[in-house]
Structure formats: structure tokens, C-alpha cells
């Protein structure tokens, strides 16, 4: 029975890292009861499917959004989650408000003012010209931006529409 304890046992756990939004596979190999080795690898299926490249694309896309908002409003989002669907990039941004905006938003009129300023300013900037690098990252021409801001939750949602599916 003890011999069974020393046989090779393996199991695999897949997870998505919240730090860099990359999918990683942890393979645990028990070569000995007290000896555990781990390795992080990307399966052949994922390597060949382009998911790794897409992760870099999402990261680069999020960096452009974060930098534009930081330069424009004094603070970029603390967290951005972006998905590409056909010819759209849908981004949800959390932790956007500056301390001054939080102070102003304590009243109903202040909330309305912060909401209007945030949504109109961003839409006006994108209507003038897309940020540098946005079209390079997506491989498509930017057409339109739909955006909204939920002041109470400090959450913004933007839907970027492009002229063709994002490659």
C-alpha cells in the first residue's frame, strides 16, 4: 500500500491571473509524498489559438485607455476589464473618480455634474480623433464610442465600435 503513495500523481488547475489577465495552467506532479513541483505552461491548444496574442492586445488596449483618461482627467481607472466581440471592444472601468469628484458627487447636483463631465468629455475627445495607437492595436478603424458613467459605483462602461472585426 505504501508503494501507491510514491507513485506519480498529477493534476492540473487552470486559472486566470487577476494581475495580468493571462490564463495559466499549474501542473502539480507528486513524485514523492513530500516533494511537490509546479510548473506554469500554456497548452498547445491555447498557443495555437491566438489567445496569448489576444491577451497582449487587451493589455495594450487597456493601457491606451488608462493613459488617455489619466492625462485628460488627472486619474486613470484602477481596474479595466475589456472584451473584444466582433467589431466592438467593451471596456468596464472601476475606480475612476478623483478625490475632488468624489467630494462634488456628495449631492444630487454634483453627481449629475460629474456624470455629464465624464461622459461628454470622453465622447468629445474620441469624436475628434481616437487616441494614438488605438487603431494599431485593434487592426481596425475606430468608428464610434458609446459610454456611460455610474457615479455611485465609480464605474464606467465604454463600447468602442470599429469598422471591421478586431483581429
Protein backbone atom coordinates (compact mmCIF):
# COMPACT_ATOMS: atom_id res chain seq x y z
CA UNK A 1 0.00 0.00 0.00
CA UNK A 2 2.86 2.43 0.75
CA UNK A 3 4.15 1.92 -2.78
CA UNK A 4 0.99 3.59 -4.05
CA UNK A 5 1.89 6.74 -2.14
CA UNK A 6 5.16 7.02 -4.05
CA UNK A 7 3.66 6.59 -7.49
CA UNK A 8 3.41 9.59 -9.76
CA UNK A 9 0.17 11.53 -9.25
CA UNK A 10 -0.56 14.60 -11.31
CA UNK A 11 -3.38 17.06 -11.54
CA UNK A 12 -3.85 20.32 -13.40
CA UNK A 13 -5.51 23.56 -12.31
CA UNK A 14 -6.34 26.32 -14.80
CA UNK A 15 -6.81 29.85 -13.55
CA UNK A 16 -6.80 33.42 -14.80
CA UNK A 17 -4.37 35.76 -13.11
CA UNK A 18 -6.07 38.98 -11.95
CA UNK A 19 -2.75 40.83 -12.17
CA UNK A 20 -2.10 40.36 -15.87
CA UNK A 21 -5.31 38.69 -17.04
CA UNK A 22 -3.39 35.73 -18.50
CA UNK A 23 -4.64 32.19 -18.32
CA UNK A 24 -2.10 29.87 -16.73
CA UNK A 25 -2.03 26.15 -16.17
CA UNK A 26 -0.46 24.83 -13.00
CA UNK A 27 0.63 21.24 -13.26
CA UNK A 28 1.35 19.60 -9.94
CA UNK A 29 3.46 16.46 -10.05
CA UNK A 30 3.73 14.45 -6.87
CA UNK A 31 6.88 12.41 -7.35
CA UNK A 32 7.14 11.74 -3.66
CA UNK A 33 4.73 12.38 -0.81
CA UNK A 34 6.76 15.33 0.46
CA UNK A 35 8.10 16.57 -2.86
CA UNK A 36 5.81 18.75 -4.98
CA UNK A 37 6.88 20.51 -8.14
CA UNK A 38 4.86 23.10 -10.02
CA UNK A 39 5.16 24.48 -13.48
CA UNK A 40 3.30 27.15 -15.41
CA UNK A 41 2.73 26.46 -19.07
CA UNK A 42 0.38 27.27 -21.89
CA UNK A 43 -1.27 24.30 -23.55
CA UNK A 44 -0.73 23.64 -27.28
CA UNK A 45 -4.41 24.36 -27.90
CA UNK A 46 -4.12 27.87 -26.42
CA UNK A 47 -0.74 28.60 -28.03
CA UNK A 48 -2.14 27.83 -31.45
CA UNK A 49 -5.49 29.56 -30.96
CA UNK A 50 -4.09 33.07 -30.55
CA UNK A 51 -5.42 33.57 -27.01
CA UNK A 52 -1.98 34.63 -25.77
CA UNK A 53 -1.76 37.27 -28.50
CA UNK A 54 -5.28 38.43 -27.64
CA UNK A 55 -4.27 38.86 -24.01
CA UNK A 56 -1.45 41.18 -25.08
CA UNK A 57 -3.89 43.03 -27.32
CA UNK A 58 -6.29 43.54 -24.41
CA UNK A 59 -3.43 44.70 -22.20
CA UNK A 60 -2.20 47.20 -24.81
CA UNK A 61 -5.76 48.41 -25.45
CA UNK A 62 -6.33 48.95 -21.71
CA UNK A 63 -3.05 50.85 -21.40
CA UNK A 64 -4.15 53.30 -24.11
CA UNK A 65 -7.50 53.87 -22.38
CA UNK A 66 -5.87 54.29 -18.95
CA UNK A 67 -3.24 56.77 -20.19
CA UNK A 68 -5.79 58.90 -22.08
CA UNK A 69 -8.09 59.17 -19.06
CA UNK A 70 -5.22 59.88 -16.70
CA UNK A 71 -3.89 62.67 -18.94
CA UNK A 72 -7.35 64.08 -19.54
CA UNK A 73 -8.93 63.79 -16.09
CA UNK A 74 -6.00 63.52 -13.71
CA UNK A 75 -6.71 59.90 -12.77
CA UNK A 76 -6.98 56.75 -14.81
CA UNK A 77 -9.13 53.76 -13.87
CA UNK A 78 -7.72 51.48 -11.19
CA UNK A 79 -9.11 48.40 -12.95
CA UNK A 80 -10.17 47.84 -16.56
CA UNK A 81 -11.85 44.73 -17.97
CA UNK A 82 -12.07 44.62 -21.78
CA UNK A 83 -13.55 42.03 -24.12
CA UNK A 84 -13.49 42.04 -27.91
CA UNK A 85 -16.72 40.97 -29.58
CA UNK A 86 -16.80 41.06 -33.39
CA UNK A 87 -16.20 44.73 -34.30
CA UNK A 88 -16.50 46.05 -30.72
CA UNK A 89 -14.30 46.44 -27.69
CA UNK A 90 -16.34 46.60 -24.48
CA UNK A 91 -14.49 48.06 -21.51
CA UNK A 92 -15.68 48.24 -17.92
CA UNK A 93 -13.60 50.58 -15.76
CA UNK A 94 -13.56 50.78 -11.97
CA UNK A 95 -12.02 53.33 -9.61
CA UNK A 96 -12.18 56.34 -11.94
CA UNK A 97 -13.10 59.28 -9.70
CA UNK A 98 -10.59 61.76 -8.31
CA UNK A 99 -10.95 62.84 -4.65
CA UNK A 100 -12.34 66.18 -5.87
CA UNK A 101 -15.00 64.46 -8.00
CA UNK A 102 -15.96 62.25 -5.05
CA UNK A 103 -16.41 65.38 -2.93
CA UNK A 104 -18.53 67.10 -5.61
CA UNK A 105 -20.65 63.95 -6.09
CA UNK A 106 -21.93 64.06 -2.49
CA UNK A 107 -25.01 65.98 -3.69
CA UNK A 108 -27.52 65.11 -6.41
CA UNK A 109 -26.47 68.14 -8.47
CA UNK A 110 -22.84 67.21 -8.01
CA UNK A 111 -23.46 63.64 -9.23
CA UNK A 112 -25.18 64.99 -12.32
CA UNK A 113 -22.30 67.38 -12.97
CA UNK A 114 -19.64 64.65 -12.59
CA UNK A 115 -21.64 62.28 -14.80
CA UNK A 116 -22.09 64.88 -17.54
CA UNK A 117 -18.47 65.99 -17.42
CA UNK A 118 -17.13 62.44 -17.52
CA UNK A 119 -19.34 61.17 -20.35
CA UNK A 120 -19.31 64.27 -22.57
CA UNK A 121 -15.60 64.96 -22.24
CA UNK A 122 -14.62 61.40 -23.17
CA UNK A 123 -17.07 61.29 -26.07
CA UNK A 124 -15.84 64.67 -27.37
CA UNK A 125 -12.22 63.53 -27.26
CA UNK A 126 -12.95 60.33 -29.19
CA UNK A 127 -15.17 62.21 -31.68
CA UNK A 128 -12.23 64.48 -32.52
CA UNK A 129 -9.73 61.65 -33.02
CA UNK A 130 -9.06 58.26 -31.47
CA UNK A 131 -6.11 58.05 -29.11
CA UNK A 132 -2.74 57.32 -30.67
CA UNK A 133 -2.19 53.59 -31.13
CA UNK A 134 -5.82 52.50 -30.65
CA UNK A 135 -6.32 51.55 -34.31
CA UNK A 136 -2.88 49.92 -34.48
CA UNK A 137 -3.67 47.66 -31.52
CA UNK A 138 -7.08 46.58 -32.86
CA UNK A 139 -6.13 46.40 -36.53
CA UNK A 140 -9.35 48.26 -37.39
CA UNK A 141 -10.51 51.84 -37.92
CA UNK A 142 -12.29 53.43 -34.95
CA UNK A 143 -15.87 54.47 -35.83
CA UNK A 144 -17.74 55.46 -32.66
CA UNK A 145 -17.76 55.41 -28.87
CA UNK A 146 -20.76 54.75 -26.64
CA UNK A 147 -20.07 55.45 -22.98
CA UNK A 148 -21.78 55.91 -19.66
CA UNK A 149 -20.69 56.50 -16.11
CA UNK A 150 -22.31 55.31 -12.86
CA UNK A 151 -21.15 57.84 -10.26
CA UNK A 152 -22.38 55.98 -7.15
CA UNK A 153 -20.47 52.82 -8.14
CA UNK A 154 -17.48 54.72 -9.60
CA UNK A 155 -17.83 52.59 -12.71
CA UNK A 156 -17.66 53.47 -16.40
CA UNK A 157 -18.60 51.38 -19.41
CA UNK A 158 -17.41 52.18 -22.91
CA UNK A 159 -18.26 50.37 -26.12
CA UNK A 160 -15.77 51.11 -28.89
CA UNK A 161 -17.11 50.35 -32.39
CA UNK A 162 -14.71 49.63 -35.25
CA UNK A 163 -15.18 49.26 -39.00
CA UNK A 164 -14.39 45.53 -39.03
CA UNK A 165 -13.97 42.63 -36.61
CA UNK A 166 -11.00 43.01 -34.32
CA UNK A 167 -8.26 40.65 -35.49
